[in-house]
Protein backbone atom coordinates (compact mmCIF):
# COMPACT_ATOMS: atom_id res chain seq x y z
CA UNK A 1 -80.77 6.11 -37.43
CA UNK A 2 -77.38 3.65 -37.73
CA UNK A 3 -74.40 5.30 -39.35
CA UNK A 4 -73.15 3.55 -42.20
CA UNK A 5 -69.44 1.69 -42.22
CA UNK A 6 -67.18 -0.08 -44.78
CA UNK A 7 -66.06 -3.50 -44.21
CA UNK A 8 -64.31 -6.10 -46.38
CA UNK A 9 -65.87 -9.92 -46.74
CA UNK A 10 -63.71 -12.72 -48.25
CA UNK A 11 -66.12 -14.93 -51.12
CA UNK A 12 -65.20 -17.66 -52.81
CA UNK A 13 -66.82 -17.55 -56.26
CA UNK A 14 -66.12 -19.40 -59.10
CA UNK A 15 -65.90 -17.60 -62.71
CA UNK A 16 -65.66 -19.89 -65.84
CA UNK A 17 -63.03 -18.74 -68.24
CA UNK A 18 -63.56 -17.71 -72.16
CA UNK A 19 -61.97 -21.15 -72.84
CA UNK A 20 -64.72 -23.23 -70.89
CA UNK A 21 -67.19 -21.14 -72.58
CA UNK A 22 -66.45 -21.96 -75.80
CA UNK A 23 -66.34 -25.46 -74.93
CA UNK A 24 -69.49 -25.11 -73.38
CA UNK A 25 -70.99 -23.59 -76.56
CA UNK A 26 -69.12 -25.91 -78.93
CA UNK A 27 -70.53 -29.13 -77.04
CA UNK A 28 -73.94 -28.03 -77.73
CA UNK A 29 -73.75 -27.55 -81.70
CA UNK A 30 -75.11 -30.58 -83.75
CA UNK A 31 -72.63 -31.45 -87.03
CA UNK A 32 -73.85 -28.69 -89.29
CA UNK A 33 -73.77 -25.76 -87.10
CA UNK A 34 -70.45 -26.70 -85.91
CA UNK A 35 -69.36 -26.96 -89.26
CA UNK A 36 -70.53 -23.65 -89.70
CA UNK A 37 -68.86 -22.35 -86.69
CA UNK A 38 -65.78 -24.18 -87.69
CA UNK A 39 -65.58 -21.83 -90.86
CA UNK A 40 -66.85 -18.53 -89.46
CA UNK A 41 -63.63 -18.91 -87.31
CA UNK A 42 -61.60 -19.70 -90.05
CA UNK A 43 -62.66 -16.34 -91.70
CA UNK A 44 -62.59 -14.26 -88.66
CA UNK A 45 -58.91 -15.56 -87.41
CA UNK A 46 -56.15 -15.48 -89.89
CA UNK A 47 -54.24 -17.99 -87.56
CA UNK A 48 -56.46 -20.85 -88.38
CA UNK A 49 -56.06 -22.53 -92.08
CA UNK A 50 -57.91 -25.46 -93.57
CA UNK A 51 -55.66 -28.50 -93.94
CA UNK A 52 -56.02 -30.48 -96.66
CA UNK A 53 -53.96 -33.35 -95.28
CA UNK A 54 -56.70 -33.33 -92.06
CA UNK A 55 -53.90 -32.50 -89.32
CA UNK A 56 -55.70 -31.16 -86.47
CA UNK A 57 -52.75 -31.29 -84.20
CA UNK A 58 -51.70 -28.25 -82.20
CA UNK A 59 -48.30 -27.29 -83.61
CA UNK A 60 -46.42 -26.33 -80.15
CA UNK A 61 -42.99 -25.63 -81.67
CA UNK A 62 -43.10 -21.81 -81.17
CA UNK A 63 -42.14 -20.05 -78.64
CA UNK A 64 -45.18 -17.71 -78.19
CA UNK A 65 -46.86 -16.62 -75.37
CA UNK A 66 -49.71 -19.69 -73.81
CA UNK A 67 -52.87 -19.32 -72.32
CA UNK A 68 -51.50 -20.69 -68.54
CA UNK A 69 -55.26 -20.41 -67.54
CA UNK A 70 -56.64 -23.10 -69.93
CA UNK A 71 -57.92 -26.51 -68.10
CA UNK A 72 -57.15 -29.46 -69.01
CA UNK A 73 -60.44 -31.87 -70.20
CA UNK A 74 -60.58 -33.39 -66.64
CA UNK A 75 -60.38 -29.44 -65.09
CA UNK A 76 -62.72 -28.14 -67.14
CA UNK A 77 -65.34 -30.99 -66.37
CA UNK A 78 -64.70 -30.28 -62.95
CA UNK A 79 -65.63 -26.62 -62.95
CA UNK A 80 -68.69 -26.81 -65.05
CA UNK A 81 -69.71 -29.61 -62.52
CA UNK A 82 -69.01 -27.04 -59.70
CA UNK A 83 -70.54 -24.45 -61.63
CA UNK A 84 -74.23 -26.25 -61.18
CA UNK A 85 -74.32 -25.70 -57.57
CA UNK A 86 -76.62 -22.74 -56.40
CA UNK A 87 -73.96 -21.51 -54.01
CA UNK A 88 -71.23 -21.29 -57.04
CA UNK A 89 -72.26 -17.67 -58.85
CA UNK A 90 -70.84 -17.77 -62.79
CA UNK A 91 -69.93 -14.82 -64.47
CA UNK A 92 -71.21 -16.24 -68.04
CA UNK A 93 -74.44 -16.43 -69.15
CA UNK A 94 -73.36 -19.34 -71.27
CA UNK A 95 -74.24 -21.92 -69.01
CA UNK A 96 -77.18 -20.28 -67.33
CA UNK A 97 -79.09 -20.60 -70.42
CA UNK A 98 -78.42 -24.62 -70.68
CA UNK A 99 -81.23 -26.24 -70.14
CA UNK A 100 -81.96 -27.78 -66.54
CA UNK A 101 -82.40 -31.67 -66.45
CA UNK A 102 -84.20 -33.68 -63.50
CA UNK A 103 -82.01 -37.21 -63.21
CA UNK A 104 -85.21 -39.31 -62.84
CA UNK A 105 -87.11 -37.92 -65.96
CA UNK A 106 -85.40 -37.58 -69.47
CA UNK A 107 -88.14 -38.25 -71.15
CA UNK A 108 -88.80 -35.27 -73.68
CA UNK A 109 -92.36 -33.26 -72.74
CA UNK A 110 -95.02 -33.92 -74.94
CA UNK A 111 -96.67 -30.83 -76.98
CA UNK A 112 -99.04 -29.08 -75.13
CA UNK A 113 -102.51 -30.75 -76.08
CA UNK A 114 -104.65 -29.11 -79.10
CA UNK A 115 -108.37 -28.81 -78.23
CA UNK A 116 -109.55 -27.90 -81.33
CA UNK A 117 -111.39 -30.05 -83.03
CA UNK A 118 -110.31 -29.05 -86.59
CA UNK A 119 -106.75 -28.87 -85.94
CA UNK A 120 -107.19 -32.30 -84.81
CA UNK A 121 -109.03 -33.86 -88.09
CA UNK A 122 -106.91 -31.07 -90.48
CA UNK A 123 -103.83 -33.65 -88.97
CA UNK A 124 -105.59 -36.57 -89.85
CA UNK A 125 -106.15 -35.76 -92.77
CA UNK A 126 -102.93 -34.76 -93.93
CA UNK A 127 -101.48 -38.03 -92.67
CA UNK A 128 -103.76 -40.61 -92.55
CA UNK A 129 -101.70 -43.91 -92.75
CA UNK A 130 -98.40 -42.99 -91.21
CA UNK A 131 -98.83 -41.88 -87.69
CA UNK A 132 -95.21 -41.52 -86.84
CA UNK A 133 -93.12 -38.43 -86.60
CA UNK A 134 -91.40 -37.76 -90.13
CA UNK A 135 -87.88 -38.88 -90.60
CA UNK A 136 -85.80 -36.18 -91.33
CA UNK A 137 -84.39 -36.30 -95.06
CA UNK A 138 -80.65 -37.09 -94.89
CA UNK A 139 -78.18 -35.47 -97.87
CA UNK A 140 -75.66 -37.87 -99.95
CA UNK A 141 -72.29 -38.40 -98.25
CA UNK A 142 -70.58 -36.45 -101.91
CA UNK A 143 -72.69 -33.44 -101.28
CA UNK A 144 -73.25 -33.42 -97.22
CA UNK A 145 -72.58 -29.85 -95.78
CA UNK A 146 -72.72 -28.18 -99.13
CA UNK A 147 -76.35 -28.48 -99.99
CA UNK A 148 -77.63 -24.89 -100.62
CA UNK A 149 -81.53 -25.04 -100.89
CA UNK A 150 -82.76 -22.72 -103.80
CA UNK A 151 -84.79 -19.09 -103.13
CA UNK A 152 -88.09 -19.85 -102.43
CA UNK A 153 -90.57 -17.06 -102.73
CA UNK A 154 -92.38 -16.31 -98.95
CA UNK A 155 -96.36 -17.03 -99.47
CA UNK A 156 -97.41 -13.62 -98.82
CA UNK A 157 -95.00 -12.12 -101.19
CA UNK A 158 -96.47 -14.94 -103.83
CA UNK A 159 -100.13 -14.16 -102.81
CA UNK A 160 -99.48 -10.08 -103.41
CA UNK A 161 -97.87 -10.55 -106.74
CA UNK A 162 -101.09 -12.32 -107.55
CA UNK A 163 -103.27 -9.12 -106.03
CA UNK A 164 -101.32 -6.94 -107.92
CA UNK A 165 -102.40 -8.53 -111.25
CA UNK A 166 -106.04 -8.15 -109.94
CA UNK A 167 -107.97 -4.50 -111.00
CA UNK A 168 -108.02 -3.42 -107.65
CA UNK A 169 -108.43 0.17 -105.96
CA UNK A 170 -105.17 1.01 -103.75
CA UNK A 171 -107.63 1.26 -101.12
CA UNK A 172 -108.44 -2.35 -101.71
CA UNK A 173 -105.25 -3.19 -102.42
CA UNK A 174 -103.80 -1.89 -98.63
CA UNK A 175 -106.62 -4.29 -97.03
CA UNK A 176 -105.97 -7.20 -99.07
CA UNK A 177 -102.31 -6.59 -97.76
CA UNK A 178 -103.39 -6.18 -94.00
CA UNK A 179 -105.18 -9.31 -94.53
CA UNK A 180 -102.16 -11.58 -95.95
CA UNK A 181 -100.25 -9.95 -93.23
CA UNK A 182 -102.26 -11.72 -90.78
CA UNK A 183 -102.20 -15.38 -92.09
CA UNK A 184 -100.14 -17.80 -90.16
CA UNK A 185 -98.25 -20.26 -91.61
CA UNK A 186 -100.81 -22.74 -92.74
CA UNK A 187 -101.98 -20.74 -94.51
CA UNK A 188 -104.96 -19.45 -92.19
CA UNK A 189 -106.75 -16.04 -91.21
CA UNK A 190 -106.87 -16.98 -87.34
CA UNK A 191 -107.40 -13.01 -85.99
CA UNK A 192 -110.72 -11.62 -86.12
CA UNK A 193 -111.46 -8.93 -88.46
CA UNK A 194 -111.50 -5.98 -86.02
CA UNK A 195 -107.96 -6.92 -85.79
CA UNK A 196 -107.88 -6.08 -89.77
CA UNK A 197 -109.67 -3.17 -89.42
CA UNK A 198 -107.47 -1.80 -85.89
CA UNK A 199 -104.45 -2.83 -88.34
CA UNK A 200 -105.66 -0.63 -91.21
CA UNK A 201 -106.51 2.68 -88.67
CA UNK A 202 -102.89 2.70 -87.69
CA UNK A 203 -102.30 3.89 -91.66
CA UNK A 204 -105.06 6.19 -91.69
CA UNK A 205 -107.58 3.82 -93.54
CA UNK A 206 -110.97 3.25 -91.83
CA UNK A 207 -112.38 -0.01 -93.45
CA UNK A 208 -115.88 -1.39 -92.83
CA UNK A 209 -116.28 -5.09 -92.40
CA UNK A 210 -118.02 -5.78 -95.66
CA UNK A 211 -115.13 -3.95 -97.10
CA UNK A 212 -112.63 -6.51 -95.42
CA UNK A 213 -114.68 -9.12 -96.51
CA UNK A 214 -114.85 -8.35 -99.80
CA UNK A 215 -110.98 -8.13 -100.17
CA UNK A 216 -110.77 -11.59 -98.16
CA UNK A 217 -112.81 -13.17 -100.76
CA UNK A 218 -110.75 -11.98 -103.64
CA UNK A 219 -107.68 -13.59 -101.51
CA UNK A 220 -109.60 -16.96 -101.51
CA UNK A 221 -109.71 -16.74 -105.61
CA UNK A 222 -105.58 -16.92 -105.54
CA UNK A 223 -103.66 -19.76 -105.50
CA UNK A 224 -102.87 -21.65 -103.68
CA UNK A 225 -106.86 -22.29 -102.88
CA UNK A 226 -108.29 -22.05 -99.55
CA UNK A 227 -105.39 -19.53 -98.44
CA UNK A 228 -107.17 -17.11 -95.96
CA UNK A 229 -110.11 -19.23 -94.77
CA UNK A 230 -110.93 -18.87 -91.14
CA UNK A 231 -111.32 -22.80 -90.41
CA UNK A 232 -110.62 -25.84 -91.86
CA UNK A 233 -114.76 -26.14 -93.12
CA UNK A 234 -114.23 -22.88 -94.76
CA UNK A 235 -110.67 -24.00 -96.72
CA UNK A 236 -112.16 -26.91 -97.91
CA UNK A 237 -114.99 -25.32 -99.06
CA UNK A 238 -113.24 -22.84 -100.86
CA UNK A 239 -111.24 -25.25 -102.76
CA UNK A 240 -114.46 -27.31 -103.82
CA UNK A 241 -115.76 -23.89 -105.45
CA UNK A 242 -112.29 -23.36 -107.19
CA UNK A 243 -112.82 -26.76 -108.54
CA UNK A 244 -115.96 -25.78 -110.27
CA UNK A 245 -114.56 -23.96 -113.18
CA UNK A 246 -112.48 -26.87 -113.85
CA UNK A 247 -113.46 -29.53 -116.05
CA UNK A 248 -114.83 -32.79 -114.89
CA UNK A 249 -116.54 -35.71 -115.81
CA UNK A 250 -119.99 -36.15 -114.29
CA UNK A 251 -119.15 -38.85 -111.75
CA UNK A 252 -116.25 -36.10 -110.59
CA UNK A 253 -118.75 -33.30 -110.73
CA UNK A 254 -121.66 -35.65 -108.29
CA UNK A 255 -118.82 -36.05 -106.01
CA UNK A 256 -117.88 -32.47 -105.78
CA UNK A 257 -121.37 -31.65 -104.96
CA UNK A 258 -122.29 -34.28 -102.94
CA UNK A 259 -119.09 -33.39 -100.99
CA UNK A 260 -119.70 -29.75 -100.89
CA UNK A 261 -123.43 -30.43 -99.57
CA UNK A 262 -121.38 -32.87 -97.25
CA UNK A 263 -119.36 -30.34 -96.01
CA UNK A 264 -121.62 -27.72 -95.47
CA UNK A 265 -124.73 -29.57 -93.92
CA UNK A 266 -123.34 -31.98 -92.35
CA UNK A 267 -119.66 -30.70 -91.45
CA UNK A 268 -119.96 -32.19 -87.69
CA UNK A 269 -120.87 -36.02 -89.54
CA UNK A 270 -118.03 -35.68 -91.21
CA UNK A 271 -115.78 -34.75 -88.90
CA UNK A 272 -116.68 -37.79 -86.79
CA UNK A 273 -116.52 -40.14 -89.55
CA UNK A 274 -120.41 -41.36 -89.09
CA UNK A 275 -120.97 -42.94 -92.18
CA UNK A 276 -123.97 -44.61 -91.85
CA UNK A 277 -125.71 -41.37 -90.63
CA UNK A 278 -124.32 -39.79 -93.60
CA UNK A 279 -125.86 -42.48 -96.04
CA UNK A 280 -129.09 -41.83 -94.58
CA UNK A 281 -128.98 -37.92 -94.49
CA UNK A 282 -127.28 -37.80 -98.22
CA UNK A 283 -129.54 -40.07 -99.51
CA UNK A 284 -126.61 -41.65 -101.44
CA UNK A 285 -124.98 -44.90 -102.21
CA UNK A 286 -121.93 -46.06 -100.15
CA UNK A 287 -119.83 -45.89 -103.63
CA UNK A 288 -121.24 -42.22 -104.04
CA UNK A 289 -119.67 -41.38 -100.22
CA UNK A 290 -116.57 -43.23 -100.97
CA UNK A 291 -115.77 -40.93 -103.87
CA UNK A 292 -116.92 -37.62 -101.88
CA UNK A 293 -114.76 -38.76 -99.21
CA UNK A 294 -112.02 -39.18 -101.56
CA UNK A 295 -112.30 -35.90 -103.50
CA UNK A 296 -112.34 -34.16 -99.71
CA UNK A 297 -109.15 -36.22 -98.83
CA UNK A 298 -107.27 -34.81 -102.10
CA UNK A 299 -107.68 -31.06 -100.39
CA UNK A 300 -105.24 -29.45 -98.76
CA UNK A 301 -106.26 -28.73 -94.82
CA UNK A 302 -103.29 -26.92 -94.64
CA UNK A 303 -102.56 -24.69 -97.97
CA UNK A 304 -99.97 -22.37 -96.34
CA UNK A 305 -97.71 -25.47 -95.12
CA UNK A 306 -94.80 -26.09 -97.43
CA UNK A 307 -94.92 -22.37 -98.87
CA UNK A 308 -92.96 -20.80 -96.34
CA UNK A 309 -89.36 -21.44 -97.15
CA UNK A 310 -87.68 -23.75 -94.26
CA UNK A 311 -83.70 -23.98 -93.94
CA UNK A 312 -82.05 -26.90 -92.34
CA UNK A 313 -85.13 -28.89 -92.49
CA UNK A 314 -82.58 -32.33 -92.35
CA UNK A 315 -80.33 -33.74 -90.08
CA UNK A 316 -76.43 -34.92 -90.55
CA UNK A 317 -76.24 -37.82 -88.00
CA UNK A 318 -72.88 -36.60 -85.76
CA UNK A 319 -72.17 -40.42 -85.39
CA UNK A 320 -72.59 -43.93 -86.90
CA UNK A 321 -73.03 -47.48 -85.36
CA UNK A 322 -72.04 -50.51 -87.49
CA UNK A 323 -72.63 -53.81 -86.57
CA UNK A 324 -69.53 -55.88 -88.15
CA UNK A 325 -69.97 -59.54 -86.85
CA UNK A 326 -70.61 -59.45 -83.54
CA UNK A 327 -68.75 -56.29 -82.69
CA UNK A 328 -70.31 -52.72 -82.70
CA UNK A 329 -67.92 -50.00 -84.75
CA UNK A 330 -68.59 -46.34 -83.52
CA UNK A 331 -67.61 -43.71 -86.01
CA UNK A 332 -67.77 -40.15 -85.58
CA UNK A 333 -69.17 -38.52 -88.92
CA UNK A 334 -67.20 -35.89 -89.07
CA UNK A 335 -66.11 -36.16 -93.21
CA UNK A 336 -67.70 -32.90 -94.32
CA UNK A 337 -66.29 -30.98 -91.47
CA UNK A 338 -63.67 -28.69 -92.45
CA UNK A 339 -59.81 -30.13 -91.07
CA UNK A 340 -58.30 -26.74 -89.59
CA UNK A 341 -54.73 -26.04 -88.09
CA UNK A 342 -52.46 -23.46 -86.84
CA UNK A 343 -51.00 -21.23 -90.13
CA UNK A 344 -47.41 -21.37 -90.64
CA UNK A 345 -47.20 -18.45 -92.62
CA UNK A 346 -48.79 -15.79 -89.77
CA UNK A 347 -46.81 -17.68 -86.83
CA UNK A 348 -43.55 -17.56 -89.07
CA UNK A 349 -44.28 -13.71 -88.62
CA UNK A 350 -44.58 -13.26 -85.05
CA UNK A 351 -40.71 -13.98 -84.71
CA UNK A 352 -40.37 -11.46 -87.33
CA UNK A 353 -38.13 -8.82 -85.98
CA UNK A 354 -39.24 -6.76 -89.11
CA UNK A 355 -42.77 -6.80 -88.13
CA UNK A 356 -44.19 -3.89 -85.98
CA UNK A 357 -44.97 -4.48 -82.44
CA UNK A 358 -48.96 -3.87 -82.67
CA UNK A 359 -48.53 -6.30 -85.39
CA UNK A 360 -46.97 -9.00 -83.37
CA UNK A 361 -49.23 -8.38 -80.74
CA UNK A 362 -52.02 -9.10 -82.86
CA UNK A 363 -50.89 -12.06 -83.99
CA UNK A 364 -50.19 -13.45 -80.67
CA UNK A 365 -53.91 -12.52 -79.57
CA UNK A 366 -55.29 -14.37 -82.72
CA UNK A 367 -52.85 -17.49 -82.01
CA UNK A 368 -53.94 -17.79 -78.82
CA UNK A 369 -57.59 -17.74 -79.60
CA UNK A 370 -56.92 -20.53 -82.51
CA UNK A 371 -55.30 -22.43 -79.71
CA UNK A 372 -58.31 -22.14 -77.54
CA UNK A 373 -60.65 -23.01 -80.64
CA UNK A 374 -58.76 -26.28 -81.42
CA UNK A 375 -58.61 -27.30 -78.19
CA UNK A 376 -62.24 -26.96 -77.38
CA UNK A 377 -62.92 -29.10 -80.60
CA UNK A 378 -60.75 -31.50 -79.44
CA UNK A 379 -62.57 -31.66 -76.33
CA UNK A 380 -65.76 -31.19 -77.88
CA UNK A 381 -65.17 -34.84 -80.03
CA UNK A 382 -63.13 -36.47 -76.91
CA UNK A 383 -66.45 -35.68 -74.86
CA UNK A 384 -68.92 -36.81 -77.42
CA UNK A 385 -67.36 -39.94 -78.27
CA UNK A 386 -67.18 -41.31 -74.50
CA UNK A 387 -70.38 -40.52 -74.18
CA UNK A 388 -71.82 -42.28 -77.44
CA UNK A 389 -70.02 -44.71 -76.04
CA UNK A 390 -71.70 -44.97 -73.01
CA UNK A 391 -74.74 -45.31 -74.85
CA UNK A 392 -73.96 -47.93 -77.26
CA UNK A 393 -72.07 -49.85 -74.53
CA UNK A 394 -75.16 -49.70 -72.58
CA UNK A 395 -77.92 -50.08 -75.51
CA UNK A 396 -76.14 -53.00 -77.12
CA UNK A 397 -78.85 -55.05 -78.18
CA UNK A 398 -80.90 -52.32 -79.60
CA UNK A 399 -78.23 -51.41 -81.73
CA UNK A 400 -77.89 -55.18 -82.86
CA UNK A 401 -81.92 -56.02 -82.65
CA UNK A 402 -83.61 -52.70 -83.17
CA UNK A 403 -86.45 -50.49 -80.69
CA UNK A 404 -88.07 -53.62 -78.96
CA UNK A 405 -84.61 -53.94 -77.06
CA UNK A 406 -84.62 -50.58 -76.04
CA UNK A 407 -83.25 -50.88 -72.37
CA UNK A 408 -85.04 -47.84 -69.61
CA UNK A 409 -81.85 -44.98 -69.06
CA UNK A 410 -81.92 -41.85 -67.90
CA UNK A 411 -78.95 -39.24 -67.93
CA UNK A 412 -77.98 -40.14 -64.52
CA UNK A 413 -76.71 -43.30 -65.40
CA UNK A 414 -74.30 -42.34 -68.12
CA UNK A 415 -73.43 -39.48 -65.86
CA UNK A 416 -72.00 -41.82 -63.88
CA UNK A 417 -70.41 -44.45 -66.51
CA UNK A 418 -68.65 -41.44 -67.81
CA UNK A 419 -68.00 -39.47 -64.51
CA UNK A 420 -69.11 -36.45 -66.45
CA UNK A 421 -71.82 -33.78 -64.97
CA UNK A 422 -75.52 -34.56 -65.93
CA UNK A 423 -75.83 -30.83 -67.56
CA UNK A 424 -72.84 -31.86 -69.65
CA UNK A 425 -74.80 -35.28 -71.05
CA UNK A 426 -77.29 -33.08 -71.43
CA UNK A 427 -75.64 -30.77 -74.12
CA UNK A 428 -73.99 -33.71 -75.28
CA UNK A 429 -77.68 -35.57 -76.24
CA UNK A 430 -79.53 -32.17 -77.31
CA UNK A 431 -79.93 -31.97 -80.90
CA UNK A 432 -76.95 -34.91 -81.96
CA UNK A 433 -78.21 -38.25 -84.10
CA UNK A 434 -77.08 -41.45 -84.77
CA UNK A 435 -77.33 -43.14 -87.75
CA UNK A 436 -77.86 -46.88 -87.38
CA UNK A 437 -78.91 -49.57 -89.12
CA UNK A 438 -83.02 -49.35 -88.08
CA UNK A 439 -82.70 -45.52 -89.11
CA UNK A 440 -81.07 -42.39 -87.86
CA UNK A 441 -82.16 -41.47 -83.72
CA UNK A 442 -81.87 -38.50 -82.03
CA UNK A 443 -79.31 -39.42 -79.09
CA UNK A 444 -82.42 -38.42 -76.43
CA UNK A 445 -84.06 -41.40 -77.95
CA UNK A 446 -82.29 -43.73 -75.76
CA UNK A 447 -83.15 -42.06 -72.82
CA UNK A 448 -86.47 -43.15 -71.03
CA UNK A 449 -88.16 -44.00 -68.42
CA UNK A 450 -89.11 -48.04 -67.38
CA UNK A 451 -91.96 -49.63 -66.55
CA UNK A 452 -92.30 -52.72 -64.63
CA UNK A 453 -94.21 -55.99 -66.78
CA UNK A 454 -96.32 -58.13 -64.80
CA UNK A 455 -93.11 -60.58 -64.62
CA UNK A 456 -91.14 -57.88 -62.31
CA UNK A 457 -89.02 -56.98 -65.69
CA UNK A 458 -88.20 -53.37 -66.22
CA UNK A 459 -88.46 -52.46 -70.26
CA UNK A 460 -88.43 -48.87 -71.78
CA UNK A 461 -92.08 -47.10 -72.25
CA UNK A 462 -90.51 -46.29 -75.97
CA UNK A 463 -90.75 -49.86 -76.14
CA UNK A 464 -94.46 -49.98 -74.82
CA UNK A 465 -95.24 -46.78 -77.87
CA UNK A 466 -93.61 -48.92 -80.39
CA UNK A 467 -96.25 -51.52 -79.64
CA UNK A 468 -99.40 -49.35 -78.90
CA UNK A 469 -98.10 -48.61 -82.72
CA UNK A 470 -98.07 -51.57 -84.39
CA UNK A 471 -101.10 -52.50 -82.76
CA UNK A 472 -103.38 -49.58 -84.01
CA UNK A 473 -101.97 -50.64 -87.35
CA UNK A 474 -103.28 -53.58 -87.37
CA UNK A 475 -106.78 -53.06 -86.14
CA UNK A 476 -110.01 -53.37 -87.81
CA UNK A 477 -110.17 -50.19 -89.61
CA UNK A 478 -114.37 -50.54 -89.50
CA UNK A 479 -114.00 -50.45 -85.12
CA UNK A 480 -110.60 -48.70 -84.55
CA UNK A 481 -109.41 -49.83 -81.02
CA UNK A 482 -110.37 -47.22 -78.13
CA UNK A 483 -107.61 -46.15 -75.48
CA UNK A 484 -109.62 -48.42 -73.05
CA UNK A 485 -109.28 -51.07 -75.38
CA UNK A 486 -105.70 -50.83 -75.75
CA UNK A 487 -104.77 -50.99 -72.12
CA UNK A 488 -106.24 -54.23 -72.44
CA UNK A 489 -104.72 -55.27 -74.90
CA UNK A 490 -101.44 -54.23 -73.31
CA UNK A 491 -102.78 -56.08 -70.34
CA UNK A 492 -103.00 -59.20 -71.81
CA UNK A 493 -99.35 -59.14 -72.82
CA UNK A 494 -97.88 -58.17 -69.34
CA UNK A 495 -97.86 -54.67 -69.56
CA UNK A 496 -100.17 -52.66 -66.86
CA UNK A 497 -100.87 -49.32 -68.06
CA UNK A 498 -103.63 -46.87 -66.89
CA UNK A 499 -106.23 -45.68 -69.85
CA UNK A 500 -104.77 -42.16 -69.19
CA UNK A 501 -101.26 -43.31 -69.81
CA UNK A 502 -102.34 -45.49 -73.20
CA UNK A 503 -103.79 -42.04 -74.23
CA UNK A 504 -100.70 -40.03 -73.84
CA UNK A 505 -98.98 -42.33 -75.38
CA UNK A 506 -101.01 -42.54 -78.31
CA UNK A 507 -100.80 -38.62 -78.71
CA UNK A 508 -96.87 -38.36 -78.25
CA UNK A 509 -96.87 -40.67 -81.34
CA UNK A 510 -99.31 -38.57 -83.50
CA UNK A 511 -101.98 -41.37 -83.39
CA UNK A 512 -105.58 -39.56 -83.80
CA UNK A 513 -108.39 -40.62 -81.71
CA UNK A 514 -110.35 -44.18 -82.37
CA UNK A 515 -113.35 -42.32 -84.56
CA UNK A 516 -110.88 -40.51 -86.50
CA UNK A 517 -109.08 -44.07 -87.96
CA UNK A 518 -112.04 -45.29 -88.98
CA UNK A 519 -112.06 -45.75 -92.65
CA UNK A 520 -114.67 -45.14 -95.29
CA UNK A 521 -113.12 -48.18 -97.37
CA UNK A 522 -115.10 -49.92 -94.24
CA UNK A 523 -118.51 -49.23 -95.16
CA UNK A 524 -120.56 -51.68 -97.35
C-alpha cells in the first residue's frame, strides 16, 4: 500500500465575475421581463433612481471606488466565448444552464407527436379554419408595461364553489374534491379511478368505485359543461345531454338527438368524417347531418381551456423594423422601459463626513452594484442592436417583401458577422420579438435550414412551410390533399421533398391530416 503524499499543481481556469454573470442573465431577458427586473433593481438599490429626463449615462464625477475587474464589452464577450470550451471550468451556474446550440441546426424542434386520436380531433374542432399558430396579443403603446390582468378564479375553485351549493354529504364532497384535484388543464379526468381511490385512502376515506363514479356524474352537471369527462367522446355527450334541459325548436332538438346517436353509436365514423357511411347508417338527409355536425362543432372539446388564469400571454416586441422609402429603419422598442441613473442624493452622502463609516461602506457597495447594473443594461442593448442589425441586413428582402423572401440562415452566420459567440447569439434571439410590416416574429423565426431547388437555388424551409399552408388553404374541401399529393405538387413547383418531410412540416404548422380537413359542406 503506497503512502499518501502532498503535491502542488498549477491549473489555469476561468471564473466569471459577478458583472459577467449579470450581463449573461440580462441578455436572455425579453423586453417585459427586463422591465420588471429594472423596477426590482430600483426598489432594492437606493443608489438607483428613475430618471424623468431619460438619462441612462453613468455619472463619473464622484471619487468613489470603482470595480477594476469590470470588463469592457469586447473583453467580456471573449471571456464568455472561452467559457464555452470544455477545458475551461466555470464557477457559476448561470452559463451552465444556457441552451447549447448546434451551429448547423438552428430550427426549433417540433413538439412530441401525440398519438391520441381524440387529441388530434379536439385540436381540429377548436380551430377548423386557421391552422397557423395564434399571434400573441400586443398591448397598446400607451398601456404597454402597465397592463395588469384582473384576478380570475381558477377552474378548481369555480367547481368547488358550485359543489358546495349542492345537497352533498361531507363524504361525497371530499370524494368530489379529490376528483377535481386530478383534473388536467383541459378539464379532463385522465387518471384511472383507482388513483382517486388511493388519494382518498391517504385522508382516511375508503371509497368504492360506485361512490367515485356517482360523485363524478355530479361534477358533469357543473359549469362549464363537459368538465370531468374522461375522453373527447364522453365530453361531447355530456354537453349534448346538458342541452336537453334547454328550450329548443323542433329542428334543433332533432339535431341534438341525431348528434347524440352519432357520437354514441358511430363515433369512429364521425371522427374519421366518413360522411357517406354516416348518411347510410343514420338514415338521415345531408341537411340533417350538416345540422348535427354544426351542433357538435359548437361544443367545447376542451372545457377547462381558458378557465385557468394565464399571466403574460402576450408579447411586446423588442425591436421595430420599418421601411422608409428604400431604407430599413431599426428601432429598439424601449419606450416603456424605466430610464434609470445614479441617485445624486445618495452619492453626496458618500462624501459627507458626518455619515458613519458603516453607512458609507454600505453606500459604496450599492454604488458599485448600481454601476455594474447600468453598464450591463447598456452592454445588453449594444449586443441586441448589433445582432438585430445583422439579422436585418441578411434578411433585408424579408423585411421589404415578406415571408416568401426569407433566406436560409443559421446562428453561425450571425456569430461570424458580429464576431460574437454562438451561445451569445442564442441568448439574444431566444424569446425576443421584432415587429415588422408583416406581423410580429420571434427572432428565432429568421433562422432556418436551406433546401435546394431543382434549379440549384437555396430556399428556406420556412418558405416551403408557407407554400404547404397556402396549398392546403386552397384545396378541395371534399377531397383534401394527402401528404403524398402535397409532395407531388411541391415537386411540380421545383421543390424535391420526401413525403415524410412534408408530413413533418404539416405537423409543425399544426395542420390536421387530410381526413380531418374534410368539410361536411362538401357533401350533397
